[in-house]
Structures are given as C-alpha cells and as structure tokens.
PDB file of all heavy atoms in Angstrom:
ATOM      1  N   PRO A   1       2.445 -85.414 -28.199  1.00  0.00           N
ATOM      2  CA  PRO A   1       2.314 -84.127 -27.518  1.00  0.00           C
ATOM      3  C   PRO A   1       1.142 -83.322 -28.059  1.00  0.00           C
ATOM      4  O   PRO A   1       0.763 -83.462 -29.228  1.00  0.00           O
ATOM      5  CB  PRO A   1       3.643 -83.427 -27.817  1.00  0.00           C
ATOM      6  CG  PRO A   1       4.152 -84.075 -29.045  1.00  0.00           C
ATOM      7  CD  PRO A   1       3.642 -85.479 -29.036  1.00  0.00           C
ATOM      8  N   THR A   2       0.578 -82.488 -27.203  1.00  0.00           N
ATOM      9  CA  THR A   2      -0.553 -81.658 -27.595  1.00  0.00           C
ATOM     10  C   THR A   2      -0.444 -80.277 -26.949  1.00  0.00           C
ATOM     11  O   THR A   2      -0.016 -80.153 -25.803  1.00  0.00           O
ATOM     12  CB  THR A   2      -1.893 -82.323 -27.210  1.00  0.00           C
ATOM     13  OG1 THR A   2      -2.965 -81.502 -27.622  1.00  0.00           O
ATOM     14  CG2 THR A   2      -2.002 -82.568 -25.735  1.00  0.00           C
ATOM     15  N   LEU A   3      -0.796 -79.255 -27.711  1.00  0.00           N
ATOM     16  CA  LEU A   3      -0.852 -77.869 -27.230  1.00  0.00           C
ATOM     17  C   LEU A   3      -2.264 -77.364 -27.468  1.00  0.00           C
ATOM     18  O   LEU A   3      -2.797 -77.504 -28.574  1.00  0.00           O
ATOM     19  CB  LEU A   3       0.141 -76.993 -27.993  1.00  0.00           C
ATOM     20  CG  LEU A   3       1.604 -77.439 -27.973  1.00  0.00           C
ATOM     21  CD1 LEU A   3       2.400 -76.627 -28.980  1.00  0.00           C
ATOM     22  CD2 LEU A   3       2.175 -77.295 -26.583  1.00  0.00           C
ATOM     23  N   THR A   4      -2.873 -76.758 -26.459  1.00  0.00           N
ATOM     24  CA  THR A   4      -4.266 -76.322 -26.569  1.00  0.00           C
ATOM     25  C   THR A   4      -4.424 -74.898 -26.042  1.00  0.00           C
ATOM     26  O   THR A   4      -3.876 -74.553 -25.006  1.00  0.00           O
ATOM     27  CB  THR A   4      -5.191 -77.263 -25.769  1.00  0.00           C
ATOM     28  OG1 THR A   4      -5.058 -78.586 -26.269  1.00  0.00           O
ATOM     29  CG2 THR A   4      -6.643 -76.832 -25.874  1.00  0.00           C
ATOM     30  N   LEU A   5      -5.197 -74.094 -26.775  1.00  0.00           N
ATOM     31  CA  LEU A   5      -5.684 -72.794 -26.314  1.00  0.00           C
ATOM     32  C   LEU A   5      -7.205 -72.840 -26.385  1.00  0.00           C
ATOM     33  O   LEU A   5      -7.767 -73.248 -27.404  1.00  0.00           O
ATOM     34  CB  LEU A   5      -5.168 -71.656 -27.186  1.00  0.00           C
ATOM     35  CG  LEU A   5      -3.792 -71.130 -26.859  1.00  0.00           C
ATOM     36  CD1 LEU A   5      -3.415 -70.028 -27.835  1.00  0.00           C
ATOM     37  CD2 LEU A   5      -3.694 -70.626 -25.441  1.00  0.00           C
ATOM     38  N   GLU A   6      -7.853 -72.402 -25.305  1.00  0.00           N
ATOM     39  CA  GLU A   6      -9.306 -72.559 -25.228  1.00  0.00           C
ATOM     40  C   GLU A   6      -9.931 -71.418 -24.439  1.00  0.00           C
ATOM     41  O   GLU A   6      -9.899 -71.416 -23.212  1.00  0.00           O
ATOM     42  CB  GLU A   6      -9.609 -73.907 -24.560  1.00  0.00           C
ATOM     43  CG  GLU A   6     -11.051 -74.245 -24.415  1.00  0.00           C
ATOM     44  CD  GLU A   6     -11.247 -75.597 -23.752  1.00  0.00           C
ATOM     45  OE1 GLU A   6     -10.301 -76.165 -23.188  1.00  0.00           O
ATOM     46  OE2 GLU A   6     -12.392 -76.072 -23.812  1.00  0.00           O
ATOM     47  N   PRO A   7     -10.509 -70.428 -25.125  1.00  0.00           N
ATOM     48  CA  PRO A   7     -11.274 -69.429 -24.380  1.00  0.00           C
ATOM     49  C   PRO A   7     -12.570 -70.066 -23.864  1.00  0.00           C
ATOM     50  O   PRO A   7     -13.275 -70.731 -24.614  1.00  0.00           O
ATOM     51  CB  PRO A   7     -11.556 -68.341 -25.411  1.00  0.00           C
ATOM     52  CG  PRO A   7     -11.333 -68.965 -26.735  1.00  0.00           C
ATOM     53  CD  PRO A   7     -10.452 -70.143 -26.545  1.00  0.00           C
ATOM     54  N   ARG A   8     -12.844 -69.871 -22.584  1.00  0.00           N
ATOM     55  CA  ARG A   8     -14.037 -70.461 -21.961  1.00  0.00           C
ATOM     56  C   ARG A   8     -14.927 -69.361 -21.393  1.00  0.00           C
ATOM     57  O   ARG A   8     -14.470 -68.484 -20.676  1.00  0.00           O
ATOM     58  CB  ARG A   8     -13.644 -71.401 -20.817  1.00  0.00           C
ATOM     59  CG  ARG A   8     -13.029 -72.684 -21.269  1.00  0.00           C
ATOM     60  CD  ARG A   8     -12.768 -73.581 -20.089  1.00  0.00           C
ATOM     61  NE  ARG A   8     -12.373 -74.907 -20.530  1.00  0.00           N
ATOM     62  CZ  ARG A   8     -12.166 -75.925 -19.726  1.00  0.00           C
ATOM     63  NH1 ARG A   8     -12.317 -75.763 -18.413  1.00  0.00           N
ATOM     64  NH2 ARG A   8     -11.818 -77.092 -20.195  1.00  0.00           N
ATOM     65  N   TRP A   9     -16.215 -69.472 -21.699  1.00  0.00           N
ATOM     66  CA  TRP A   9     -17.216 -68.578 -21.137  1.00  0.00           C
ATOM     67  C   TRP A   9     -17.976 -69.358 -20.068  1.00  0.00           C
ATOM     68  O   TRP A   9     -18.727 -70.288 -20.366  1.00  0.00           O
ATOM     69  CB  TRP A   9     -18.157 -68.071 -22.215  1.00  0.00           C
ATOM     70  CG  TRP A   9     -19.332 -67.313 -21.694  1.00  0.00           C
ATOM     71  CD1 TRP A   9     -19.333 -66.334 -20.749  1.00  0.00           C
ATOM     72  CD2 TRP A   9     -20.701 -67.479 -22.076  1.00  0.00           C
ATOM     73  NE1 TRP A   9     -20.599 -65.873 -20.523  1.00  0.00           N
ATOM     74  CE2 TRP A   9     -21.471 -66.561 -21.327  1.00  0.00           C
ATOM     75  CE3 TRP A   9     -21.348 -68.305 -22.984  1.00  0.00           C
ATOM     76  CZ2 TRP A   9     -22.839 -66.464 -21.459  1.00  0.00           C
ATOM     77  CZ3 TRP A   9     -22.714 -68.210 -23.110  1.00  0.00           C
ATOM     78  CH2 TRP A   9     -23.446 -67.287 -22.352  1.00  0.00           C
ATOM     79  N   TYR A  10     -17.767 -69.008 -18.790  1.00  0.00           N
ATOM     80  CA  TYR A  10     -18.479 -69.621 -17.673  1.00  0.00           C
ATOM     81  C   TYR A  10     -19.780 -68.845 -17.492  1.00  0.00           C
ATOM     82  O   TYR A  10     -19.785 -67.762 -16.917  1.00  0.00           O
ATOM     83  CB  TYR A  10     -17.619 -69.576 -16.412  1.00  0.00           C
ATOM     84  CG  TYR A  10     -16.451 -70.528 -16.476  1.00  0.00           C
ATOM     85  CD1 TYR A  10     -15.208 -70.119 -16.941  1.00  0.00           C
ATOM     86  CD2 TYR A  10     -16.601 -71.850 -16.082  1.00  0.00           C
ATOM     87  CE1 TYR A  10     -14.142 -70.997 -17.004  1.00  0.00           C
ATOM     88  CE2 TYR A  10     -15.541 -72.739 -16.145  1.00  0.00           C
ATOM     89  CZ  TYR A  10     -14.314 -72.303 -16.603  1.00  0.00           C
ATOM     90  OH  TYR A  10     -13.265 -73.185 -16.667  1.00  0.00           O
ATOM     91  N   TYR A  11     -20.869 -69.407 -17.997  1.00  0.00           N
ATOM     92  CA  TYR A  11     -22.115 -68.652 -18.128  1.00  0.00           C
ATOM     93  C   TYR A  11     -23.038 -68.726 -16.920  1.00  0.00           C
ATOM     94  O   TYR A  11     -24.016 -67.991 -16.865  1.00  0.00           O
ATOM     95  CB  TYR A  11     -22.881 -69.100 -19.383  1.00  0.00           C
ATOM     96  CG  TYR A  11     -23.300 -70.545 -19.399  1.00  0.00           C
ATOM     97  CD1 TYR A  11     -24.484 -70.956 -18.828  1.00  0.00           C
ATOM     98  CD2 TYR A  11     -22.505 -71.503 -20.021  1.00  0.00           C
ATOM     99  CE1 TYR A  11     -24.879 -72.272 -18.853  1.00  0.00           C
ATOM    100  CE2 TYR A  11     -22.886 -72.817 -20.067  1.00  0.00           C
ATOM    101  CZ  TYR A  11     -24.071 -73.205 -19.478  1.00  0.00           C
ATOM    102  OH  TYR A  11     -24.444 -74.517 -19.518  1.00  0.00           O
ATOM    103  N   ASN A  12     -22.759 -69.557 -15.933  1.00  0.00           N
ATOM    104  CA  ASN A  12     -23.706 -69.676 -14.823  1.00  0.00           C
ATOM    105  C   ASN A  12     -23.093 -69.365 -13.459  1.00  0.00           C
ATOM    106  O   ASN A  12     -23.577 -69.835 -12.442  1.00  0.00           O
ATOM    107  CB  ASN A  12     -24.333 -71.067 -14.818  1.00  0.00           C
ATOM    108  CG  ASN A  12     -23.360 -72.154 -14.397  1.00  0.00           C
ATOM    109  OD1 ASN A  12     -22.151 -72.013 -14.572  1.00  0.00           O
ATOM    110  ND2 ASN A  12     -23.884 -73.234 -13.861  1.00  0.00           N
ATOM    111  N   LEU A  13     -22.058 -68.547 -13.414  1.00  0.00           N
ATOM    112  CA  LEU A  13     -21.413 -68.240 -12.131  1.00  0.00           C
ATOM    113  C   LEU A  13     -22.339 -67.490 -11.187  1.00  0.00           C
ATOM    114  O   LEU A  13     -22.406 -67.804  -9.989  1.00  0.00           O
ATOM    115  CB  LEU A  13     -20.129 -67.440 -12.361  1.00  0.00           C
ATOM    116  CG  LEU A  13     -19.010 -68.155 -13.113  1.00  0.00           C
ATOM    117  CD1 LEU A  13     -17.825 -67.232 -13.276  1.00  0.00           C
ATOM    118  CD2 LEU A  13     -18.612 -69.441 -12.421  1.00  0.00           C
ATOM    119  N   ASN A  14     -23.064 -66.492 -11.696  1.00  0.00           N
ATOM    120  CA  ASN A  14     -23.993 -65.734 -10.837  1.00  0.00           C
ATOM    121  C   ASN A  14     -25.079 -66.638 -10.267  1.00  0.00           C
ATOM    122  O   ASN A  14     -25.418 -66.559  -9.082  1.00  0.00           O
ATOM    123  CB  ASN A  14     -24.626 -64.583 -11.609  1.00  0.00           C
ATOM    124  CG  ASN A  14     -23.645 -63.455 -11.848  1.00  0.00           C
ATOM    125  OD1 ASN A  14     -22.713 -63.265 -11.077  1.00  0.00           O
ATOM    126  ND2 ASN A  14     -23.861 -62.720 -12.916  1.00  0.00           N
ATOM    127  N   LYS A  15     -25.624 -67.500 -11.096  1.00  0.00           N
ATOM    128  CA  LYS A  15     -26.683 -68.414 -10.651  1.00  0.00           C
ATOM    129  C   LYS A  15     -26.160 -69.364  -9.573  1.00  0.00           C
ATOM    130  O   LYS A  15     -26.817 -69.596  -8.560  1.00  0.00           O
ATOM    131  CB  LYS A  15     -27.211 -69.201 -11.851  1.00  0.00           C
ATOM    132  CG  LYS A  15     -28.338 -70.136 -11.536  1.00  0.00           C
ATOM    133  CD  LYS A  15     -28.822 -70.819 -12.805  1.00  0.00           C
ATOM    134  CE  LYS A  15     -29.923 -71.801 -12.531  1.00  0.00           C
ATOM    135  NZ  LYS A  15     -30.361 -72.493 -13.749  1.00  0.00           N
ATOM    136  N   ARG A  16     -24.943 -69.894  -9.783  1.00  0.00           N
ATOM    137  CA  ARG A  16     -24.352 -70.793  -8.787  1.00  0.00           C
ATOM    138  C   ARG A  16     -24.094 -70.052  -7.477  1.00  0.00           C
ATOM    139  O   ARG A  16     -24.363 -70.579  -6.397  1.00  0.00           O
ATOM    140  CB  ARG A  16     -23.054 -71.414  -9.314  1.00  0.00           C
ATOM    141  CG  ARG A  16     -23.283 -72.443 -10.405  1.00  0.00           C
ATOM    142  CD  ARG A  16     -21.979 -73.092 -10.834  1.00  0.00           C
ATOM    143  NE  ARG A  16     -21.292 -73.778  -9.748  1.00  0.00           N
ATOM    144  CZ  ARG A  16     -21.611 -74.970  -9.260  1.00  0.00           C
ATOM    145  NH1 ARG A  16     -22.630 -75.625  -9.777  1.00  0.00           N
ATOM    146  NH2 ARG A  16     -20.911 -75.505  -8.280  1.00  0.00           N
ATOM    147  N   GLN A  17     -23.595 -68.823  -7.568  1.00  0.00           N
ATOM    148  CA  GLN A  17     -23.315 -68.061  -6.358  1.00  0.00           C
ATOM    149  C   GLN A  17     -24.598 -67.719  -5.620  1.00  0.00           C
ATOM    150  O   GLN A  17     -24.647 -67.791  -4.386  1.00  0.00           O
ATOM    151  CB  GLN A  17     -22.534 -66.795  -6.703  1.00  0.00           C
ATOM    152  CG  GLN A  17     -22.022 -66.078  -5.471  1.00  0.00           C
ATOM    153  CD  GLN A  17     -21.171 -64.894  -5.827  1.00  0.00           C
ATOM    154  OE1 GLN A  17     -21.554 -64.098  -6.678  1.00  0.00           O
ATOM    155  NE2 GLN A  17     -20.014 -64.782  -5.191  1.00  0.00           N
ATOM    156  N   ASN A  18     -25.650 -67.352  -6.338  1.00  0.00           N
ATOM    157  CA  ASN A  18     -26.937 -67.036  -5.706  1.00  0.00           C
ATOM    158  C   ASN A  18     -27.537 -68.238  -4.988  1.00  0.00           C
ATOM    159  O   ASN A  18     -28.278 -68.085  -4.023  1.00  0.00           O
ATOM    160  CB  ASN A  18     -27.924 -66.492  -6.727  1.00  0.00           C
ATOM    161  CG  ASN A  18     -27.562 -65.097  -7.181  1.00  0.00           C
ATOM    162  OD1 ASN A  18     -26.819 -64.384  -6.515  1.00  0.00           O
ATOM    163  ND2 ASN A  18     -28.073 -64.710  -8.344  1.00  0.00           N
ATOM    164  N   LYS A  19     -27.231 -69.453  -5.463  1.00  0.00           N
ATOM    165  CA  LYS A  19     -27.715 -70.672  -4.822  1.00  0.00           C
ATOM    166  C   LYS A  19     -26.718 -71.211  -3.799  1.00  0.00           C
ATOM    167  O   LYS A  19     -26.839 -72.353  -3.365  1.00  0.00           O
ATOM    168  CB  LYS A  19     -27.990 -71.742  -5.880  1.00  0.00           C
ATOM    169  CG  LYS A  19     -29.179 -71.424  -6.757  1.00  0.00           C
ATOM    170  CD  LYS A  19     -29.456 -72.558  -7.719  1.00  0.00           C
ATOM    171  CE  LYS A  19     -30.701 -72.272  -8.535  1.00  0.00           C
ATOM    172  NZ  LYS A  19     -31.032 -73.398  -9.425  1.00  0.00           N
ATOM    173  N   SER A  20     -25.696 -70.405  -3.467  1.00  0.00           N
ATOM    174  CA  SER A  20     -24.655 -70.767  -2.499  1.00  0.00           C
ATOM    175  C   SER A  20     -23.883 -72.010  -2.914  1.00  0.00           C
ATOM    176  O   SER A  20     -23.490 -72.823  -2.071  1.00  0.00           O
ATOM    177  CB  SER A  20     -25.259 -70.962  -1.103  1.00  0.00           C
ATOM    178  OG  SER A  20     -25.853 -69.764  -0.660  1.00  0.00           O
ATOM    179  N   ARG A  21     -23.653 -72.145  -4.189  1.00  0.00           N
ATOM    180  CA  ARG A  21     -22.823 -73.238  -4.699  1.00  0.00           C
ATOM    181  C   ARG A  21     -21.430 -72.705  -4.988  1.00  0.00           C
ATOM    182  O   ARG A  21     -21.233 -71.520  -5.207  1.00  0.00           O
ATOM    183  CB  ARG A  21     -23.442 -73.833  -5.960  1.00  0.00           C
ATOM    184  CG  ARG A  21     -24.755 -74.518  -5.664  1.00  0.00           C
ATOM    185  CD  ARG A  21     -25.257 -75.262  -6.848  1.00  0.00           C
ATOM    186  NE  ARG A  21     -26.520 -75.910  -6.526  1.00  0.00           N
ATOM    187  CZ  ARG A  21     -27.462 -76.142  -7.403  1.00  0.00           C
ATOM    188  NH1 ARG A  21     -27.301 -75.784  -8.660  1.00  0.00           N
ATOM    189  NH2 ARG A  21     -28.565 -76.735  -7.034  1.00  0.00           N
ATOM    190  N   ARG A  22     -20.465 -73.590  -5.033  1.00  0.00           N
ATOM    191  CA  ARG A  22     -19.069 -73.195  -5.201  1.00  0.00           C
ATOM    192  C   ARG A  22     -18.792 -72.680  -6.607  1.00  0.00           C
ATOM    193  O   ARG A  22     -19.269 -73.247  -7.587  1.00  0.00           O
ATOM    194  CB  ARG A  22     -18.155 -74.391  -4.940  1.00  0.00           C
ATOM    195  CG  ARG A  22     -18.193 -74.870  -3.518  1.00  0.00           C
ATOM    196  CD  ARG A  22     -17.332 -76.070  -3.316  1.00  0.00           C
ATOM    197  NE  ARG A  22     -15.922 -75.708  -3.504  1.00  0.00           N
ATOM    198  CZ  ARG A  22     -14.921 -76.548  -3.298  1.00  0.00           C
ATOM    199  NH1 ARG A  22     -15.161 -77.779  -2.926  1.00  0.00           N
ATOM    200  NH2 ARG A  22     -13.684 -76.154  -3.467  1.00  0.00           N
ATOM    201  N   ILE A  23     -17.995 -71.597  -6.681  1.00  0.00           N
ATOM    202  CA  ILE A  23     -17.489 -71.110  -7.965  1.00  0.00           C
ATOM    203  C   ILE A  23     -15.968 -70.968  -7.922  1.00  0.00           C
ATOM    204  O   ILE A  23     -15.362 -70.552  -8.907  1.00  0.00           O
ATOM    205  CB  ILE A  23     -18.129 -69.770  -8.380  1.00  0.00           C
ATOM    206  CG1 ILE A  23     -17.807 -68.662  -7.384  1.00  0.00           C
ATOM    207  CG2 ILE A  23     -19.623 -69.922  -8.595  1.00  0.00           C
ATOM    208  CD1 ILE A  23     -18.170 -67.274  -7.893  1.00  0.00           C
ATOM    209  N   ASP A  24     -15.348 -71.340  -6.788  1.00  0.00           N
ATOM    210  CA  ASP A  24     -13.896 -71.252  -6.693  1.00  0.00           C
ATOM    211  C   ASP A  24     -13.244 -72.213  -7.684  1.00  0.00           C
ATOM    212  O   ASP A  24     -13.793 -73.260  -8.005  1.00  0.00           O
ATOM    213  CB  ASP A  24     -13.423 -71.536  -5.263  1.00  0.00           C
ATOM    214  CG  ASP A  24     -13.799 -72.922  -4.788  1.00  0.00           C
ATOM    215  OD1 ASP A  24     -14.950 -73.347  -5.027  1.00  0.00           O
ATOM    216  OD2 ASP A  24     -12.943 -73.583  -4.175  1.00  0.00           O
ATOM    217  N   GLY A  25     -12.087 -71.838  -8.185  1.00  0.00           N
ATOM    218  CA  GLY A  25     -11.397 -72.668  -9.168  1.00  0.00           C
ATOM    219  C   GLY A  25     -12.147 -72.755 -10.481  1.00  0.00           C
ATOM    220  O   GLY A  25     -11.962 -73.702 -11.238  1.00  0.00           O
ATOM    221  N   ASN A  26     -13.025 -71.789 -10.744  1.00  0.00           N
ATOM    222  CA  ASN A  26     -13.851 -71.749 -11.957  1.00  0.00           C
ATOM    223  C   ASN A  26     -14.790 -72.953 -12.040  1.00  0.00           C
ATOM    224  O   ASN A  26     -14.939 -73.571 -13.097  1.00  0.00           O
ATOM    225  CB  ASN A  26     -12.981 -71.634 -13.211  1.00  0.00           C
ATOM    226  CG  ASN A  26     -12.137 -70.384 -13.204  1.00  0.00           C
ATOM    227  OD1 ASN A  26     -12.382 -69.466 -12.435  1.00  0.00           O
ATOM    228  ND2 ASN A  26     -11.128 -70.352 -14.047  1.00  0.00           N
ATOM    229  N   SER A  27     -15.432 -73.269 -10.937  1.00  0.00           N
ATOM    230  CA  SER A  27     -16.457 -74.310 -10.932  1.00  0.00           C
ATOM    231  C   SER A  27     -17.713 -73.748 -11.572  1.00  0.00           C
ATOM    232  O   SER A  27     -18.279 -72.772 -11.076  1.00  0.00           O
ATOM    233  CB  SER A  27     -16.794 -74.751  -9.504  1.00  0.00           C
ATOM    234  OG  SER A  27     -15.762 -75.514  -8.967  1.00  0.00           O
ATOM    235  N   GLY A  28     -18.130 -74.348 -12.661  1.00  0.00           N
ATOM    236  CA  GLY A  28     -19.333 -73.892 -13.344  1.00  0.00           C
ATOM    237  C   GLY A  28     -19.463 -74.547 -14.702  1.00  0.00           C
ATOM    238  O   GLY A  28     -18.622 -75.341 -15.117  1.00  0.00           O
ATOM    239  N   ASN A  29     -20.540 -74.202 -15.380  1.00  0.00           N
ATOM    240  CA  ASN A  29     -20.746 -74.678 -16.748  1.00  0.00           C
ATOM    241  C   ASN A  29     -20.059 -73.719 -17.703  1.00  0.00           C
ATOM    242  O   ASN A  29     -20.013 -72.520 -17.463  1.00  0.00           O
ATOM    243  CB  ASN A  29     -22.237 -74.740 -17.064  1.00  0.00           C
ATOM    244  CG  ASN A  29     -22.988 -75.691 -16.163  1.00  0.00           C
ATOM    245  OD1 ASN A  29     -22.446 -76.244 -15.220  1.00  0.00           O
ATOM    246  ND2 ASN A  29     -24.255 -75.869 -16.443  1.00  0.00           N
ATOM    247  N   PHE A  30     -19.559 -74.246 -18.817  1.00  0.00           N
ATOM    248  CA  PHE A  30     -18.862 -73.378 -19.760  1.00  0.00           C
ATOM    249  C   PHE A  30     -19.142 -73.762 -21.198  1.00  0.00           C
ATOM    250  O   PHE A  30     -19.507 -74.898 -21.501  1.00  0.00           O
ATOM    251  CB  PHE A  30     -17.341 -73.391 -19.512  1.00  0.00           C
ATOM    252  CG  PHE A  30     -16.682 -74.733 -19.686  1.00  0.00           C
ATOM    253  CD1 PHE A  30     -16.250 -75.167 -20.926  1.00  0.00           C
ATOM    254  CD2 PHE A  30     -16.480 -75.564 -18.593  1.00  0.00           C
ATOM    255  CE1 PHE A  30     -15.633 -76.395 -21.085  1.00  0.00           C
ATOM    256  CE2 PHE A  30     -15.869 -76.794 -18.736  1.00  0.00           C
ATOM    257  CZ  PHE A  30     -15.440 -77.210 -19.989  1.00  0.00           C
ATOM    258  N   ILE A  31     -18.967 -72.782 -22.065  1.00  0.00           N
ATOM    259  CA  ILE A  31     -18.960 -72.984 -23.519  1.00  0.00           C
ATOM    260  C   ILE A  31     -17.607 -72.478 -23.982  1.00  0.00           C
ATOM    261  O   ILE A  31     -17.150 -71.414 -23.564  1.00  0.00           O
ATOM    262  CB  ILE A  31     -20.108 -72.218 -24.197  1.00  0.00           C
ATOM    263  CG1 ILE A  31     -21.456 -72.807 -23.754  1.00  0.00           C
ATOM    264  CG2 ILE A  31     -19.967 -72.274 -25.711  1.00  0.00           C
ATOM    265  CD1 ILE A  31     -22.658 -72.042 -24.243  1.00  0.00           C
ATOM    266  N   SER A  32     -16.946 -73.249 -24.842  1.00  0.00           N
ATOM    267  CA  SER A  32     -15.603 -72.881 -25.256  1.00  0.00           C
ATOM    268  C   SER A  32     -15.375 -73.187 -26.733  1.00  0.00           C
ATOM    269  O   SER A  32     -16.181 -73.860 -27.367  1.00  0.00           O
ATOM    270  CB  SER A  32     -14.570 -73.646 -24.418  1.00  0.00           C
ATOM    271  OG  SER A  32     -14.587 -75.015 -24.762  1.00  0.00           O
ATOM    272  N   ILE A  33     -14.263 -72.672 -27.219  1.00  0.00           N
ATOM    273  CA  ILE A  33     -13.772 -73.022 -28.552  1.00  0.00           C
ATOM    274  C   ILE A  33     -12.393 -73.617 -28.338  1.00  0.00           C
ATOM    275  O   ILE A  33     -11.409 -72.899 -28.145  1.00  0.00           O
ATOM    276  CB  ILE A  33     -13.724 -71.806 -29.489  1.00  0.00           C
ATOM    277  CG1 ILE A  33     -15.116 -71.229 -29.646  1.00  0.00           C
ATOM    278  CG2 ILE A  33     -13.141 -72.199 -30.845  1.00  0.00           C
ATOM    279  CD1 ILE A  33     -15.168 -69.948 -30.432  1.00  0.00           C
ATOM    280  N   LYS A  34     -12.332 -74.948 -28.323  1.00  0.00           N
ATOM    281  CA  LYS A  34     -11.089 -75.651 -28.030  1.00  0.00           C
ATOM    282  C   LYS A  34     -10.267 -75.777 -29.307  1.00  0.00           C
ATOM    283  O   LYS A  34     -10.688 -76.398 -30.272  1.00  0.00           O
ATOM    284  CB  LYS A  34     -11.391 -77.038 -27.461  1.00  0.00           C
ATOM    285  CG  LYS A  34     -10.167 -77.790 -27.025  1.00  0.00           C
ATOM    286  CD  LYS A  34     -10.525 -79.079 -26.345  1.00  0.00           C
ATOM    287  CE  LYS A  34      -9.255 -79.748 -25.838  1.00  0.00           C
ATOM    288  NZ  LYS A  34      -9.562 -80.951 -25.085  1.00  0.00           N
ATOM    289  N   THR A  35      -9.072 -75.182 -29.306  1.00  0.00           N
ATOM    290  CA  THR A  35      -8.164 -75.237 -30.446  1.00  0.00           C
ATOM    291  C   THR A  35      -6.937 -76.033 -30.016  1.00  0.00           C
ATOM    292  O   THR A  35      -6.198 -75.612 -29.123  1.00  0.00           O
ATOM    293  CB  THR A  35      -7.759 -73.825 -30.895  1.00  0.00           C
ATOM    294  OG1 THR A  35      -8.947 -73.075 -31.159  1.00  0.00           O
ATOM    295  CG2 THR A  35      -6.906 -73.871 -32.134  1.00  0.00           C
ATOM    296  N   THR A  36      -6.732 -77.185 -30.652  1.00  0.00           N
ATOM    297  CA  THR A  36      -5.671 -78.106 -30.256  1.00  0.00           C
ATOM    298  C   THR A  36      -4.740 -78.376 -31.432  1.00  0.00           C
ATOM    299  O   THR A  36      -5.191 -78.617 -32.551  1.00  0.00           O
ATOM    300  CB  THR A  36      -6.270 -79.440 -29.771  1.00  0.00           C
ATOM    301  OG1 THR A  36      -7.162 -79.173 -28.696  1.00  0.00           O
ATOM    302  CG2 THR A  36      -5.193 -80.399 -29.311  1.00  0.00           C
ATOM    303  N   TYR A  37      -3.445 -78.363 -31.152  1.00  0.00           N
ATOM    304  CA  TYR A  37      -2.423 -78.665 -32.151  1.00  0.00           C
ATOM    305  C   TYR A  37      -1.633 -79.882 -31.677  1.00  0.00           C
ATOM    306  O   TYR A  37      -1.135 -79.905 -30.551  1.00  0.00           O
ATOM    307  CB  TYR A  37      -1.500 -77.459 -32.331  1.00  0.00           C
ATOM    308  CG  TYR A  37      -0.325 -77.703 -33.241  1.00  0.00           C
ATOM    309  CD1 TYR A  37      -0.504 -78.112 -34.565  1.00  0.00           C
ATOM    310  CD2 TYR A  37       0.974 -77.527 -32.782  1.00  0.00           C
ATOM    311  CE1 TYR A  37       0.575 -78.331 -35.397  1.00  0.00           C
ATOM    312  CE2 TYR A  37       2.063 -77.735 -33.613  1.00  0.00           C
ATOM    313  CZ  TYR A  37       1.852 -78.145 -34.916  1.00  0.00           C
ATOM    314  OH  TYR A  37       2.931 -78.363 -35.741  1.00  0.00           O
ATOM    315  N   HIS A  38      -1.556 -80.892 -32.530  1.00  0.00           N
ATOM    316  CA  HIS A  38      -0.728 -82.073 -32.278  1.00  0.00           C
ATOM    317  C   HIS A  38       0.496 -81.978 -33.188  1.00  0.00           C
ATOM    318  O   HIS A  38       0.413 -82.325 -34.365  1.00  0.00           O
ATOM    319  CB  HIS A  38      -1.486 -83.365 -32.585  1.00  0.00           C
ATOM    320  CG  HIS A  38      -2.592 -83.658 -31.649  1.00  0.00           C
ATOM    321  ND1 HIS A  38      -3.912 -83.490 -31.983  1.00  0.00           N
ATOM    322  CD2 HIS A  38      -2.575 -84.098 -30.371  1.00  0.00           C
ATOM    323  CE1 HIS A  38      -4.667 -83.819 -30.962  1.00  0.00           C
ATOM    324  NE2 HIS A  38      -3.885 -84.184 -29.963  1.00  0.00           N
TER     325      HIS A  38
END
C-alpha cells in the first residue's frame, strides 16, 4: 500500500490556453514535491 500527498504547480496553463490547447482536468506541465509513505 502507498499513501501520497503532492502539491503541484501547473506553470503553463496560461500559455496552453492562449494557444487554444486543453487545460481541463489539469492538463499541463507541473512541478511538484511528491511525498509518499509506504
């Protein structure tokens, strides 16, 4: 089993939207700090 908490910064949403690309469902590039407990 695994439990994870991960804050994600989606840094290119504006750029994707300006180019008429999808951002629904948090589609984009991200930087995160993945903290996982097994």
